[in-house]
Amino acid sequence: MNKKFEFFLNAVHYCIYLGEIWSMKKVDNCVLRIMYYLSVLFSFENFYNKKVDERTKCKDLWYYMYGKEGGISISSAHHWFGFFYSGYSIFLSFVLLGIPDGMFGGVNEIIAIAIIALPVGLCYIPAYKAVLSNDRYLKYFKQFEKEDAKWHKKWKQITWGFCIGSVVFTIGGIFAMWGVSLLFRK
């Protein structure tokens, strides 16, 4: 496997993970703020403060929410990484789906699912091997944590570009499918 490709995918995965932690903390703070106002309103402020203190001291809860090996954040980052990575291969799937659609005037749903799933599945294998197999991302995460703020800012922008590009490729694939379908019409 190409080391640059592996580094790129792991850096994008790391930035998605950091973004997931950021968004989860924002939601968590918003929920806590609402609960605080409700506790003050209904005179449960002491109970609320006691529960918040217990929660902040609990390391297991922090690991469950933000842990790299098995927390909610890393699971969600795996999901979003796969979602955005597959956006590029879905372009090819839609183009391939346009061929039988144009030739036969429509496609059976099972065949359409197979035409879409096969390229996505085949293209996901290198990403899986580069990032998720044997938890390779953990080795890269340790390396990325040592990087400076400039590096993080650069890769955050690259990750945004990667994600937006995936959405653009998916939408472009739909239009390309339509164009290829028109090309093959009799």
N, C-alpha and C. Protein backbone atom coordinates (compact mmCIF):
# COMPACT_ATOMS: atom_id res chain seq x y z
N MET A 1 0.85 -1.18 0.00
CA MET A 1 0.00 0.00 0.00
C MET A 1 0.89 1.23 0.00
N ASN A 2 0.50 2.20 -0.75
CA ASN A 2 1.24 3.45 -0.85
C ASN A 2 1.18 4.19 0.49
N LYS A 3 2.35 4.53 1.03
CA LYS A 3 2.42 5.17 2.35
C LYS A 3 1.78 6.56 2.35
N LYS A 4 1.91 7.29 1.25
CA LYS A 4 1.30 8.62 1.18
C LYS A 4 -0.22 8.54 1.21
N PHE A 5 -0.76 7.56 0.49
CA PHE A 5 -2.21 7.34 0.48
C PHE A 5 -2.69 6.96 1.88
N GLU A 6 -1.95 6.08 2.52
CA GLU A 6 -2.29 5.64 3.89
C GLU A 6 -2.22 6.82 4.86
N PHE A 7 -1.18 7.64 4.73
CA PHE A 7 -1.04 8.82 5.60
C PHE A 7 -2.20 9.78 5.38
N PHE A 8 -2.54 10.02 4.10
CA PHE A 8 -3.64 10.92 3.77
C PHE A 8 -4.95 10.45 4.39
N LEU A 9 -5.28 9.18 4.20
CA LEU A 9 -6.54 8.67 4.72
C LEU A 9 -6.58 8.71 6.24
N ASN A 10 -5.47 8.40 6.88
CA ASN A 10 -5.43 8.43 8.34
C ASN A 10 -5.51 9.86 8.87
N ALA A 11 -4.89 10.80 8.17
CA ALA A 11 -4.98 12.21 8.59
C ALA A 11 -6.41 12.72 8.45
N VAL A 12 -7.08 12.35 7.38
CA VAL A 12 -8.48 12.74 7.20
C VAL A 12 -9.34 12.09 8.29
N HIS A 13 -9.09 10.82 8.55
CA HIS A 13 -9.84 10.12 9.60
C HIS A 13 -9.61 10.77 10.96
N TYR A 14 -8.39 11.17 11.23
CA TYR A 14 -8.06 11.83 12.50
C TYR A 14 -8.80 13.17 12.63
N CYS A 15 -8.83 13.92 11.56
CA CYS A 15 -9.53 15.22 11.60
C CYS A 15 -11.04 15.04 11.73
N ILE A 16 -11.58 14.01 11.11
CA ILE A 16 -13.01 13.71 11.29
C ILE A 16 -13.26 13.34 12.75
N TYR A 17 -12.36 12.58 13.34
CA TYR A 17 -12.47 12.21 14.76
C TYR A 17 -12.43 13.45 15.65
N LEU A 18 -11.51 14.36 15.39
CA LEU A 18 -11.43 15.59 16.18
C LEU A 18 -12.70 16.43 16.01
N GLY A 19 -13.20 16.49 14.80
CA GLY A 19 -14.45 17.21 14.56
C GLY A 19 -15.63 16.57 15.27
N GLU A 20 -15.62 15.26 15.34
CA GLU A 20 -16.68 14.55 16.05
C GLU A 20 -16.62 14.84 17.55
N ILE A 21 -15.42 14.86 18.10
CA ILE A 21 -15.27 15.21 19.52
C ILE A 21 -15.76 16.63 19.76
N TRP A 22 -15.36 17.56 18.90
CA TRP A 22 -15.77 18.95 19.04
C TRP A 22 -17.29 19.07 19.03
N SER A 23 -17.92 18.42 18.05
CA SER A 23 -19.38 18.54 17.95
C SER A 23 -20.08 17.86 19.12
N MET A 24 -19.56 16.74 19.59
CA MET A 24 -20.19 16.06 20.73
C MET A 24 -20.07 16.91 21.99
N LYS A 25 -18.94 17.58 22.17
CA LYS A 25 -18.78 18.43 23.35
C LYS A 25 -19.71 19.64 23.27
N LYS A 26 -19.90 20.19 22.08
CA LYS A 26 -20.83 21.32 21.92
C LYS A 26 -22.26 20.89 22.27
N VAL A 27 -22.68 19.75 21.77
CA VAL A 27 -24.02 19.25 22.06
C VAL A 27 -24.15 18.95 23.56
N ASP A 28 -23.11 18.33 24.12
CA ASP A 28 -23.11 18.00 25.54
C ASP A 28 -23.25 19.26 26.40
N ASN A 29 -22.49 20.29 26.07
CA ASN A 29 -22.57 21.54 26.83
C ASN A 29 -23.94 22.19 26.68
N CYS A 30 -24.52 22.12 25.50
CA CYS A 30 -25.84 22.70 25.28
C CYS A 30 -26.89 21.96 26.11
N VAL A 31 -26.82 20.63 26.12
CA VAL A 31 -27.77 19.84 26.91
C VAL A 31 -27.59 20.12 28.39
N LEU A 32 -26.33 20.20 28.84
CA LEU A 32 -26.08 20.50 30.25
C LEU A 32 -26.60 21.88 30.64
N ARG A 33 -26.46 22.83 29.76
CA ARG A 33 -26.95 24.18 30.03
C ARG A 33 -28.48 24.18 30.16
N ILE A 34 -29.14 23.47 29.27
CA ILE A 34 -30.61 23.38 29.35
C ILE A 34 -31.03 22.68 30.64
N MET A 35 -30.32 21.60 30.97
CA MET A 35 -30.66 20.89 32.21
C MET A 35 -30.41 21.76 33.44
N TYR A 36 -29.38 22.59 33.38
CA TYR A 36 -29.11 23.48 34.51
C TYR A 36 -30.25 24.47 34.69
N TYR A 37 -30.68 25.08 33.60
CA TYR A 37 -31.78 26.04 33.69
C TYR A 37 -33.06 25.37 34.20
N LEU A 38 -33.32 24.16 33.75
CA LEU A 38 -34.49 23.44 34.24
C LEU A 38 -34.36 23.09 35.72
N SER A 39 -33.14 22.72 36.14
CA SER A 39 -32.94 22.39 37.56
C SER A 39 -33.11 23.62 38.45
N VAL A 40 -32.66 24.77 37.97
CA VAL A 40 -32.85 26.01 38.73
C VAL A 40 -34.34 26.36 38.77
N LEU A 41 -35.00 26.19 37.64
CA LEU A 41 -36.42 26.52 37.55
C LEU A 41 -37.26 25.67 38.50
N PHE A 42 -36.92 24.39 38.60
CA PHE A 42 -37.70 23.47 39.44
C PHE A 42 -37.03 23.18 40.79
N SER A 43 -36.05 23.97 41.17
CA SER A 43 -35.37 23.88 42.47
C SER A 43 -34.65 22.55 42.70
N PHE A 44 -34.01 22.03 41.67
CA PHE A 44 -33.19 20.83 41.80
C PHE A 44 -31.71 21.14 41.59
N GLU A 45 -31.30 22.34 41.90
CA GLU A 45 -29.95 22.78 41.60
C GLU A 45 -28.90 21.96 42.35
N ASN A 46 -29.11 21.66 43.61
CA ASN A 46 -28.14 20.87 44.38
C ASN A 46 -28.00 19.46 43.81
N PHE A 47 -29.12 18.86 43.46
CA PHE A 47 -29.10 17.53 42.86
C PHE A 47 -28.35 17.56 41.53
N TYR A 48 -28.61 18.58 40.73
CA TYR A 48 -27.94 18.73 39.44
C TYR A 48 -26.43 18.87 39.62
N ASN A 49 -26.00 19.74 40.53
CA ASN A 49 -24.56 19.95 40.76
C ASN A 49 -23.88 18.67 41.22
N LYS A 50 -24.56 17.90 42.08
CA LYS A 50 -24.00 16.63 42.55
C LYS A 50 -23.81 15.66 41.38
N LYS A 51 -24.80 15.55 40.51
CA LYS A 51 -24.72 14.64 39.37
C LYS A 51 -23.65 15.09 38.37
N VAL A 52 -23.53 16.37 38.15
CA VAL A 52 -22.50 16.88 37.23
C VAL A 52 -21.11 16.60 37.79
N ASP A 53 -20.92 16.78 39.09
CA ASP A 53 -19.62 16.48 39.71
C ASP A 53 -19.28 15.00 39.57
N GLU A 54 -20.25 14.13 39.80
CA GLU A 54 -20.02 12.69 39.63
C GLU A 54 -19.64 12.38 38.18
N ARG A 55 -20.32 13.02 37.27
CA ARG A 55 -20.09 12.77 35.85
C ARG A 55 -18.71 13.23 35.40
N THR A 56 -18.28 14.38 35.88
CA THR A 56 -16.98 14.90 35.45
C THR A 56 -15.83 14.10 36.04
N LYS A 57 -16.03 13.46 37.18
CA LYS A 57 -14.97 12.66 37.80
C LYS A 57 -14.85 11.27 37.19
N CYS A 58 -15.86 10.83 36.49
CA CYS A 58 -15.91 9.46 35.96
C CYS A 58 -15.07 9.35 34.68
N LYS A 59 -13.92 8.67 34.79
CA LYS A 59 -13.03 8.48 33.64
C LYS A 59 -13.63 7.51 32.63
N ASP A 60 -14.37 6.52 33.12
CA ASP A 60 -14.98 5.55 32.22
C ASP A 60 -15.98 6.20 31.27
N LEU A 61 -16.71 7.15 31.77
CA LEU A 61 -17.67 7.86 30.93
C LEU A 61 -16.95 8.67 29.85
N TRP A 62 -15.85 9.32 30.24
CA TRP A 62 -15.08 10.08 29.25
C TRP A 62 -14.54 9.13 28.18
N TYR A 63 -14.01 7.98 28.60
CA TYR A 63 -13.48 7.02 27.64
C TYR A 63 -14.61 6.50 26.74
N TYR A 64 -15.76 6.27 27.31
CA TYR A 64 -16.90 5.79 26.54
C TYR A 64 -17.32 6.80 25.48
N MET A 65 -17.24 8.07 25.82
CA MET A 65 -17.66 9.11 24.87
C MET A 65 -16.57 9.44 23.85
N TYR A 66 -15.33 9.59 24.32
CA TYR A 66 -14.29 10.15 23.46
C TYR A 66 -13.08 9.23 23.26
N GLY A 67 -13.12 8.01 23.72
CA GLY A 67 -11.98 7.10 23.63
C GLY A 67 -11.64 6.74 22.19
N LYS A 68 -10.35 6.53 21.94
CA LYS A 68 -9.89 6.23 20.58
C LYS A 68 -10.11 4.78 20.19
N GLU A 69 -10.07 3.88 21.17
CA GLU A 69 -10.18 2.46 20.83
C GLU A 69 -11.63 2.00 20.69
N GLY A 70 -12.55 2.62 21.42
CA GLY A 70 -13.90 2.10 21.36
C GLY A 70 -14.98 3.07 21.79
N GLY A 71 -14.70 4.34 21.74
CA GLY A 71 -15.70 5.32 22.18
C GLY A 71 -16.72 5.63 21.10
N ILE A 72 -17.70 6.39 21.50
CA ILE A 72 -18.74 6.80 20.56
C ILE A 72 -18.15 7.70 19.47
N SER A 73 -17.23 8.57 19.84
CA SER A 73 -16.64 9.50 18.86
C SER A 73 -15.90 8.76 17.77
N ILE A 74 -15.10 7.76 18.14
CA ILE A 74 -14.31 7.05 17.12
C ILE A 74 -15.23 6.19 16.26
N SER A 75 -16.27 5.63 16.85
CA SER A 75 -17.23 4.85 16.06
C SER A 75 -17.93 5.74 15.05
N SER A 76 -18.31 6.91 15.49
CA SER A 76 -18.95 7.85 14.58
C SER A 76 -17.97 8.35 13.52
N ALA A 77 -16.72 8.54 13.90
CA ALA A 77 -15.70 8.96 12.93
C ALA A 77 -15.47 7.87 11.88
N HIS A 78 -15.48 6.60 12.29
CA HIS A 78 -15.37 5.50 11.33
C HIS A 78 -16.53 5.57 10.33
N HIS A 79 -17.71 5.79 10.85
CA HIS A 79 -18.90 5.86 9.99
C HIS A 79 -18.78 7.01 8.99
N TRP A 80 -18.46 8.21 9.48
CA TRP A 80 -18.39 9.37 8.59
C TRP A 80 -17.24 9.24 7.60
N PHE A 81 -16.13 8.64 8.03
CA PHE A 81 -15.01 8.42 7.11
C PHE A 81 -15.46 7.52 5.96
N GLY A 82 -16.12 6.42 6.29
CA GLY A 82 -16.62 5.51 5.25
C GLY A 82 -17.64 6.17 4.35
N PHE A 83 -18.49 6.99 4.94
CA PHE A 83 -19.52 7.70 4.16
C PHE A 83 -18.88 8.64 3.15
N PHE A 84 -17.94 9.45 3.62
CA PHE A 84 -17.32 10.41 2.70
C PHE A 84 -16.38 9.73 1.72
N TYR A 85 -15.68 8.69 2.13
CA TYR A 85 -14.78 7.99 1.21
C TYR A 85 -15.59 7.32 0.10
N SER A 86 -16.73 6.76 0.43
CA SER A 86 -17.52 6.07 -0.59
C SER A 86 -18.19 7.04 -1.56
N GLY A 87 -18.22 8.31 -1.24
CA GLY A 87 -18.80 9.29 -2.15
C GLY A 87 -18.05 9.38 -3.46
N TYR A 88 -16.75 9.09 -3.43
CA TYR A 88 -15.96 9.14 -4.66
C TYR A 88 -16.23 7.92 -5.54
N SER A 89 -16.36 6.76 -4.94
CA SER A 89 -16.62 5.57 -5.74
C SER A 89 -18.07 5.48 -6.19
N ILE A 90 -18.96 6.17 -5.51
CA ILE A 90 -20.36 6.16 -5.92
C ILE A 90 -20.53 6.87 -7.26
N PHE A 91 -19.62 7.78 -7.58
CA PHE A 91 -19.64 8.43 -8.90
C PHE A 91 -19.52 7.37 -9.98
N LEU A 92 -18.53 6.48 -9.84
CA LEU A 92 -18.34 5.39 -10.80
C LEU A 92 -19.57 4.49 -10.83
N SER A 93 -20.13 4.21 -9.68
CA SER A 93 -21.32 3.36 -9.61
C SER A 93 -22.49 3.96 -10.38
N PHE A 94 -22.70 5.25 -10.21
CA PHE A 94 -23.80 5.90 -10.92
C PHE A 94 -23.56 5.92 -12.42
N VAL A 95 -22.32 6.15 -12.84
CA VAL A 95 -22.02 6.13 -14.28
C VAL A 95 -22.28 4.74 -14.84
N LEU A 96 -21.84 3.71 -14.13
CA LEU A 96 -22.10 2.34 -14.58
C LEU A 96 -23.59 2.02 -14.58
N LEU A 97 -24.32 2.56 -13.65
CA LEU A 97 -25.77 2.33 -13.59
C LEU A 97 -26.48 3.01 -14.76
N GLY A 98 -25.92 4.09 -15.26
CA GLY A 98 -26.53 4.79 -16.39
C GLY A 98 -26.49 3.98 -17.68
N ILE A 99 -25.51 3.10 -17.83
CA ILE A 99 -25.37 2.31 -19.06
C ILE A 99 -26.56 1.35 -19.24
N PRO A 100 -26.82 0.44 -18.29
CA PRO A 100 -27.98 -0.44 -18.52
C PRO A 100 -29.32 0.31 -18.46
N ASP A 101 -29.35 1.39 -17.71
CA ASP A 101 -30.58 2.18 -17.67
C ASP A 101 -30.89 2.77 -19.04
N GLY A 102 -29.86 3.25 -19.73
CA GLY A 102 -30.07 3.80 -21.07
C GLY A 102 -30.34 2.73 -22.10
N MET A 103 -29.67 1.58 -21.98
CA MET A 103 -29.83 0.53 -22.98
C MET A 103 -31.17 -0.19 -22.87
N PHE A 104 -31.62 -0.42 -21.65
CA PHE A 104 -32.83 -1.22 -21.45
C PHE A 104 -34.02 -0.41 -20.95
N GLY A 105 -33.85 0.89 -20.79
CA GLY A 105 -34.95 1.74 -20.36
C GLY A 105 -35.35 1.56 -18.91
N GLY A 106 -34.48 1.06 -18.12
CA GLY A 106 -34.75 0.84 -16.70
C GLY A 106 -33.97 -0.37 -16.23
N VAL A 107 -33.80 -0.47 -14.93
CA VAL A 107 -32.99 -1.55 -14.37
C VAL A 107 -33.75 -2.15 -13.19
N ASN A 108 -33.66 -3.46 -13.07
CA ASN A 108 -34.21 -4.17 -11.92
C ASN A 108 -33.53 -3.65 -10.65
N GLU A 109 -34.27 -3.57 -9.55
CA GLU A 109 -33.72 -3.00 -8.30
C GLU A 109 -32.54 -3.81 -7.78
N ILE A 110 -32.59 -5.12 -7.90
CA ILE A 110 -31.49 -5.96 -7.42
C ILE A 110 -30.23 -5.70 -8.24
N ILE A 111 -30.39 -5.58 -9.53
CA ILE A 111 -29.24 -5.28 -10.40
C ILE A 111 -28.70 -3.89 -10.09
N ALA A 112 -29.58 -2.94 -9.87
CA ALA A 112 -29.14 -1.57 -9.54
C ALA A 112 -28.35 -1.56 -8.23
N ILE A 113 -28.83 -2.28 -7.24
CA ILE A 113 -28.11 -2.36 -5.96
C ILE A 113 -26.75 -3.01 -6.16
N ALA A 114 -26.69 -4.06 -6.98
CA ALA A 114 -25.41 -4.73 -7.24
C ALA A 114 -24.45 -3.80 -7.98
N ILE A 115 -24.96 -3.06 -8.97
CA ILE A 115 -24.10 -2.15 -9.73
C ILE A 115 -23.58 -1.03 -8.83
N ILE A 116 -24.38 -0.59 -7.88
CA ILE A 116 -23.93 0.46 -6.97
C ILE A 116 -22.99 -0.10 -5.90
N ALA A 117 -23.34 -1.26 -5.33
CA ALA A 117 -22.58 -1.80 -4.20
C ALA A 117 -21.21 -2.35 -4.61
N LEU A 118 -21.11 -2.94 -5.78
CA LEU A 118 -19.85 -3.57 -6.18
C LEU A 118 -18.69 -2.58 -6.27
N PRO A 119 -18.79 -1.48 -7.01
CA PRO A 119 -17.67 -0.53 -7.03
C PRO A 119 -17.39 0.11 -5.67
N VAL A 120 -18.45 0.40 -4.91
CA VAL A 120 -18.25 1.00 -3.59
C VAL A 120 -17.50 0.02 -2.69
N GLY A 121 -17.93 -1.23 -2.70
CA GLY A 121 -17.27 -2.25 -1.88
C GLY A 121 -15.83 -2.48 -2.28
N LEU A 122 -15.58 -2.57 -3.59
CA LEU A 122 -14.21 -2.80 -4.06
C LEU A 122 -13.30 -1.61 -3.77
N CYS A 123 -13.82 -0.42 -3.91
CA CYS A 123 -13.00 0.77 -3.66
C CYS A 123 -12.78 1.00 -2.17
N TYR A 124 -13.64 0.45 -1.32
CA TYR A 124 -13.49 0.65 0.12
C TYR A 124 -12.41 -0.25 0.71
N ILE A 125 -12.05 -1.34 0.02
CA ILE A 125 -11.04 -2.27 0.53
C ILE A 125 -9.71 -1.58 0.82
N PRO A 126 -9.15 -0.76 -0.09
CA PRO A 126 -7.87 -0.10 0.24
C PRO A 126 -7.99 0.84 1.43
N ALA A 127 -9.11 1.53 1.56
CA ALA A 127 -9.29 2.44 2.70
C ALA A 127 -9.37 1.65 3.99
N TYR A 128 -10.07 0.53 3.95
CA TYR A 128 -10.19 -0.29 5.15
C TYR A 128 -8.82 -0.81 5.57
N LYS A 129 -8.03 -1.27 4.59
CA LYS A 129 -6.69 -1.78 4.92
C LYS A 129 -5.79 -0.67 5.43
N ALA A 130 -5.92 0.53 4.89
CA ALA A 130 -5.04 1.64 5.28
C ALA A 130 -5.39 2.21 6.64
N VAL A 131 -6.64 2.18 7.02
CA VAL A 131 -7.07 2.88 8.24
C VAL A 131 -7.53 1.92 9.32
N LEU A 132 -8.46 1.06 9.00
CA LEU A 132 -9.17 0.32 10.04
C LEU A 132 -8.61 -1.06 10.35
N SER A 133 -7.92 -1.71 9.42
CA SER A 133 -7.43 -3.05 9.71
C SER A 133 -6.31 -2.98 10.74
N ASN A 134 -6.38 -3.87 11.70
CA ASN A 134 -5.40 -3.94 12.80
C ASN A 134 -5.27 -2.62 13.55
N ASP A 135 -6.31 -1.82 13.53
CA ASP A 135 -6.32 -0.52 14.22
C ASP A 135 -5.09 0.33 13.88
N ARG A 136 -4.78 0.40 12.59
CA ARG A 136 -3.63 1.21 12.15
C ARG A 136 -3.79 2.68 12.50
N TYR A 137 -5.02 3.11 12.54
CA TYR A 137 -5.26 4.53 12.82
C TYR A 137 -4.71 4.94 14.17
N LEU A 138 -4.62 4.02 15.13
CA LEU A 138 -4.10 4.37 16.46
C LEU A 138 -2.63 4.79 16.39
N LYS A 139 -1.87 4.09 15.55
CA LYS A 139 -0.45 4.44 15.37
C LYS A 139 -0.33 5.85 14.78
N TYR A 140 -1.16 6.13 13.80
CA TYR A 140 -1.12 7.45 13.18
C TYR A 140 -1.65 8.53 14.12
N PHE A 141 -2.66 8.20 14.92
CA PHE A 141 -3.20 9.18 15.86
C PHE A 141 -2.13 9.65 16.84
N LYS A 142 -1.31 8.71 17.31
CA LYS A 142 -0.22 9.10 18.23
C LYS A 142 0.74 10.06 17.54
N GLN A 143 1.01 9.79 16.27
CA GLN A 143 1.90 10.67 15.50
C GLN A 143 1.25 12.04 15.28
N PHE A 144 -0.03 12.06 14.95
CA PHE A 144 -0.73 13.31 14.65
C PHE A 144 -0.91 14.18 15.88
N GLU A 145 -1.04 13.57 17.05
CA GLU A 145 -1.21 14.35 18.28
C GLU A 145 0.02 15.19 18.60
N LYS A 146 1.18 14.77 18.11
CA LYS A 146 2.43 15.48 18.36
C LYS A 146 2.63 16.67 17.42
N GLU A 147 1.81 16.74 16.39
CA GLU A 147 1.97 17.82 15.40
C GLU A 147 1.51 19.16 15.97
N ASP A 148 1.99 20.23 15.35
CA ASP A 148 1.67 21.58 15.85
C ASP A 148 0.32 22.07 15.31
N ALA A 149 -0.08 23.25 15.75
CA ALA A 149 -1.38 23.82 15.39
C ALA A 149 -1.47 24.12 13.89
N LYS A 150 -0.34 24.50 13.29
CA LYS A 150 -0.33 24.79 11.85
C LYS A 150 -0.67 23.53 11.05
N TRP A 151 -0.09 22.41 11.45
CA TRP A 151 -0.36 21.14 10.78
C TRP A 151 -1.84 20.79 10.93
N HIS A 152 -2.39 20.95 12.13
CA HIS A 152 -3.79 20.63 12.37
C HIS A 152 -4.72 21.51 11.53
N LYS A 153 -4.38 22.78 11.43
CA LYS A 153 -5.21 23.70 10.63
C LYS A 153 -5.18 23.29 9.15
N LYS A 154 -3.99 22.95 8.66
CA LYS A 154 -3.83 22.55 7.26
C LYS A 154 -4.67 21.29 6.98
N TRP A 155 -4.58 20.29 7.83
CA TRP A 155 -5.29 19.05 7.59
C TRP A 155 -6.79 19.17 7.86
N LYS A 156 -7.16 20.12 8.69
CA LYS A 156 -8.58 20.38 8.89
C LYS A 156 -9.18 20.91 7.59
N GLN A 157 -8.45 21.81 6.92
CA GLN A 157 -8.91 22.35 5.65
C GLN A 157 -8.93 21.26 4.56
N ILE A 158 -7.92 20.41 4.55
CA ILE A 158 -7.88 19.31 3.58
C ILE A 158 -9.06 18.37 3.81
N THR A 159 -9.36 18.11 5.08
CA THR A 159 -10.49 17.23 5.41
C THR A 159 -11.81 17.84 4.96
N TRP A 160 -11.98 19.13 5.18
CA TRP A 160 -13.19 19.81 4.69
C TRP A 160 -13.29 19.67 3.17
N GLY A 161 -12.17 19.86 2.48
CA GLY A 161 -12.16 19.70 1.03
C GLY A 161 -12.51 18.28 0.61
N PHE A 162 -11.98 17.30 1.33
CA PHE A 162 -12.26 15.89 1.06
C PHE A 162 -13.76 15.61 1.22
N CYS A 163 -14.34 16.11 2.28
CA CYS A 163 -15.77 15.86 2.56
C CYS A 163 -16.67 16.58 1.56
N ILE A 164 -16.36 17.83 1.27
CA ILE A 164 -17.17 18.58 0.30
C ILE A 164 -17.01 17.97 -1.09
N GLY A 165 -15.78 17.56 -1.43
CA GLY A 165 -15.55 16.90 -2.71
C GLY A 165 -16.35 15.62 -2.84
N SER A 166 -16.49 14.89 -1.77
CA SER A 166 -17.27 13.66 -1.79
C SER A 166 -18.73 13.94 -2.10
N VAL A 167 -19.27 14.97 -1.47
CA VAL A 167 -20.67 15.33 -1.73
C VAL A 167 -20.84 15.80 -3.17
N VAL A 168 -19.89 16.58 -3.66
CA VAL A 168 -19.94 17.06 -5.04
C VAL A 168 -19.86 15.89 -6.02
N PHE A 169 -18.97 14.93 -5.74
CA PHE A 169 -18.85 13.76 -6.61
C PHE A 169 -20.14 12.93 -6.60
N THR A 170 -20.77 12.81 -5.46
CA THR A 170 -22.02 12.06 -5.38
C THR A 170 -23.11 12.73 -6.21
N ILE A 171 -23.26 14.02 -6.05
CA ILE A 171 -24.27 14.76 -6.83
C ILE A 171 -23.90 14.74 -8.31
N GLY A 172 -22.61 14.91 -8.61
CA GLY A 172 -22.16 14.82 -10.00
C GLY A 172 -22.40 13.45 -10.59
N GLY A 173 -22.28 12.41 -9.78
CA GLY A 173 -22.55 11.05 -10.25
C GLY A 173 -23.99 10.86 -10.66
N ILE A 174 -24.89 11.49 -9.93
CA ILE A 174 -26.31 11.39 -10.29
C ILE A 174 -26.55 12.05 -11.65
N PHE A 175 -25.96 13.22 -11.85
CA PHE A 175 -26.10 13.88 -13.15
C PHE A 175 -25.38 13.11 -14.25
N ALA A 176 -24.23 12.53 -13.94
CA ALA A 176 -23.50 11.73 -14.93
C ALA A 176 -24.30 10.49 -15.31
N MET A 177 -24.97 9.88 -14.33
CA MET A 177 -25.82 8.72 -14.63
C MET A 177 -26.91 9.11 -15.62
N TRP A 178 -27.51 10.25 -15.39
CA TRP A 178 -28.56 10.73 -16.28
C TRP A 178 -27.99 10.98 -17.68
N GLY A 179 -26.80 11.60 -17.75
CA GLY A 179 -26.17 11.86 -19.04
C GLY A 179 -25.79 10.59 -19.77
N VAL A 180 -25.21 9.63 -19.07
CA VAL A 180 -24.84 8.36 -19.70
C VAL A 180 -26.09 7.61 -20.14
N SER A 181 -27.12 7.68 -19.34
CA SER A 181 -28.39 7.03 -19.69
C SER A 181 -28.95 7.61 -20.99
N LEU A 182 -28.87 8.93 -21.14
CA LEU A 182 -29.34 9.57 -22.38
C LEU A 182 -28.45 9.19 -23.56
N LEU A 183 -27.16 9.02 -23.31
CA LEU A 183 -26.23 8.65 -24.38
C LEU A 183 -26.55 7.27 -24.95
N PHE A 184 -26.97 6.34 -24.10
CA PHE A 184 -27.20 4.97 -24.54
C PHE A 184 -28.65 4.69 -24.94
N ARG A 185 -29.49 5.69 -24.95
CA ARG A 185 -30.89 5.48 -25.36
C ARG A 185 -30.93 5.27 -26.87
N LYS A 186 -31.85 4.43 -27.27
CA LYS A 186 -31.97 4.11 -28.70
C LYS A 186 -32.90 5.08 -29.38
